[in-house]
Amino acid sequence: MSTQYSDLSDEQLNATLEDIRNEIERRQKTTRAKTQLIQATQTLTPYINTYTETTGHTLDDALTLIIDNLHQNPSTTTTTPTPDNTFKQPTGSHDAYKQGDIITYQGKQYKSTTNNNVWSPTAYPQGWEEINA
């Protein structure tokens, strides 16, 4: 079915042109979103694998944690450390460790090198720096 543009009024032609522009913009946004999703997946896959393998949590748990972190402003994230700073496994972004937080884990002190850190120093060594070594 082909449209005979010569049969359209100026108003109809302008409306059609606007529809075409909107469709092109929608497709470009969809393409950008797909590209961003692929990049995010490639970045997050190693972390998700480490999290699920070391904690025994499911993929759903890991994805829920990621989504929680995406919806929360990292600047408002607060950590409630135990009084002696002994590592306590966070249950989500609401009690994740912030960059610079210091904990004691298996007799050693560590400083978090990242925000929203929910892993132990053995589960995710890149997220912690041993101090007083």
Protein backbone atom coordinates (compact mmCIF):
# COMPACT_ATOMS: atom_id res chain seq x y z
CA MET A 1 0.00 0.00 0.00
CA SER A 2 1.63 3.23 -1.09
CA THR A 3 0.57 6.72 -0.16
CA GLN A 4 0.09 9.28 -2.86
CA TYR A 5 1.61 12.33 -1.19
CA SER A 6 0.39 14.56 -4.00
CA ASP A 7 -3.17 13.77 -2.91
CA LEU A 8 -2.56 15.09 0.62
CA SER A 9 -3.36 18.60 1.78
CA ASP A 10 -0.54 20.72 3.18
CA GLU A 11 -1.87 20.05 6.70
CA GLN A 12 -1.97 16.29 6.13
CA LEU A 13 1.50 16.33 4.57
CA ASN A 14 2.92 18.29 7.52
CA ALA A 15 1.27 15.87 9.97
CA THR A 16 2.74 12.92 8.06
CA LEU A 17 6.17 14.55 8.08
CA GLU A 18 5.89 15.09 11.86
CA ASP A 19 4.90 11.43 12.32
CA ILE A 20 7.93 10.35 10.31
CA ARG A 21 10.25 12.60 12.39
CA ASN A 22 8.78 11.18 15.61
CA GLU A 23 9.25 7.61 14.38
CA ILE A 24 12.87 8.28 13.41
CA GLU A 25 13.53 9.80 16.86
CA ARG A 26 11.86 6.83 18.59
CA ARG A 27 13.98 4.38 16.61
CA GLN A 28 17.18 6.32 17.39
CA LYS A 29 16.33 6.33 21.11
CA THR A 30 15.60 2.61 20.99
CA THR A 31 18.93 1.95 19.27
CA ARG A 32 20.79 4.07 21.85
CA ALA A 33 18.99 2.31 24.70
CA LYS A 34 19.86 -1.11 23.27
CA THR A 35 23.51 -0.08 22.89
CA GLN A 36 23.62 1.21 26.48
CA LEU A 37 22.01 -1.99 27.75
CA ILE A 38 24.57 -4.14 25.93
CA GLN A 39 27.44 -2.04 27.32
CA ALA A 40 26.02 -2.19 30.85
CA THR A 41 25.55 -5.95 30.59
CA GLN A 42 29.14 -6.43 29.46
CA THR A 43 30.37 -4.28 32.35
CA LEU A 44 28.18 -5.87 35.03
CA THR A 45 28.47 -9.54 34.05
CA PRO A 46 31.76 -10.21 35.91
CA TYR A 47 30.39 -8.55 39.06
CA ILE A 48 27.11 -10.44 38.90
CA ASN A 49 28.94 -13.74 38.41
CA THR A 50 31.25 -13.03 41.36
CA TYR A 51 28.31 -12.00 43.54
CA THR A 52 26.19 -15.07 42.78
CA GLU A 53 29.12 -17.50 43.02
CA THR A 54 30.47 -16.18 46.32
CA THR A 55 27.24 -15.40 48.16
CA GLY A 56 25.03 -18.22 46.92
CA HIS A 57 22.37 -15.65 46.02
CA THR A 58 20.39 -16.00 42.83
CA LEU A 59 20.66 -13.94 39.68
CA ASP A 60 17.35 -12.31 40.67
CA ASP A 61 18.93 -11.19 43.96
CA ALA A 62 21.87 -9.67 42.09
CA LEU A 63 19.65 -7.88 39.60
CA THR A 64 17.41 -6.56 42.37
CA LEU A 65 20.47 -5.15 44.12
CA ILE A 66 21.67 -3.50 40.90
CA ILE A 67 18.26 -1.98 40.23
CA ASP A 68 18.09 -0.70 43.82
CA ASN A 69 21.50 0.92 43.33
CA LEU A 70 20.47 2.52 40.05
CA HIS A 71 17.42 4.10 41.67
CA GLN A 72 19.33 5.50 44.63
CA ASN A 73 21.47 8.62 44.58
CA PRO A 74 24.94 7.45 45.73
CA SER A 75 25.53 10.76 47.50
CA THR A 76 22.68 9.95 49.91
CA THR A 77 23.78 6.38 50.56
CA THR A 78 24.68 5.89 54.18
CA THR A 79 26.39 2.99 55.83
CA THR A 80 25.48 1.86 59.30
CA PRO A 81 28.67 0.18 60.46
CA THR A 82 28.74 -2.06 63.47
CA PRO A 83 30.26 -0.32 66.52
CA ASP A 84 33.62 -2.08 66.09
CA ASN A 85 33.48 -1.80 62.24
CA THR A 86 33.33 -5.58 61.81
CA PHE A 87 32.17 -6.40 58.31
CA LYS A 88 28.42 -6.98 58.17
CA GLN A 89 27.05 -8.37 54.89
CA PRO A 90 24.87 -5.65 53.35
CA THR A 91 21.42 -6.72 52.21
CA GLY A 92 21.02 -4.02 49.58
CA SER A 93 21.97 -0.51 48.55
CA HIS A 94 20.44 0.94 51.72
CA ASP A 95 23.23 -0.51 53.89
CA ALA A 96 26.04 -0.87 51.34
CA TYR A 97 29.49 0.44 52.19
CA LYS A 98 30.61 3.76 50.72
CA GLN A 99 34.00 4.53 49.26
CA GLY A 100 36.38 5.19 52.15
CA ASP A 101 34.47 3.14 54.73
CA ILE A 102 36.81 1.08 56.90
CA ILE A 103 35.90 -2.39 58.13
CA THR A 104 37.49 -5.26 59.96
CA TYR A 105 37.22 -8.58 58.15
CA GLN A 106 38.86 -11.83 59.24
CA GLY A 107 41.19 -9.92 61.56
CA LYS A 108 42.36 -7.41 58.94
CA GLN A 109 41.29 -3.85 58.21
CA TYR A 110 40.07 -2.85 54.77
CA LYS A 111 38.98 0.40 53.16
CA SER A 112 36.23 0.36 50.53
CA THR A 113 37.47 1.60 47.15
CA THR A 114 34.00 2.01 45.68
CA ASN A 115 30.52 3.25 46.54
CA ASN A 116 27.62 0.83 46.99
CA ASN A 117 30.02 -1.94 47.98
CA VAL A 118 28.01 -4.99 49.04
CA TRP A 119 30.76 -7.61 48.78
CA SER A 120 33.24 -8.89 51.33
CA PRO A 121 36.96 -8.40 50.70
CA THR A 122 37.29 -12.07 49.70
CA ALA A 123 34.24 -12.02 47.43
CA TYR A 124 35.33 -8.89 45.60
CA PRO A 125 38.98 -7.99 46.36
CA GLN A 126 38.95 -5.11 43.85
CA GLY A 127 36.39 -3.34 46.04
CA TRP A 128 38.69 -3.22 49.07
CA GLU A 129 42.17 -2.05 49.94
CA GLU A 130 43.88 -3.70 52.89
CA ILE A 131 45.20 -1.11 55.32
CA ASN A 132 47.80 -1.49 58.06
CA ALA A 133 49.20 -4.47 56.18
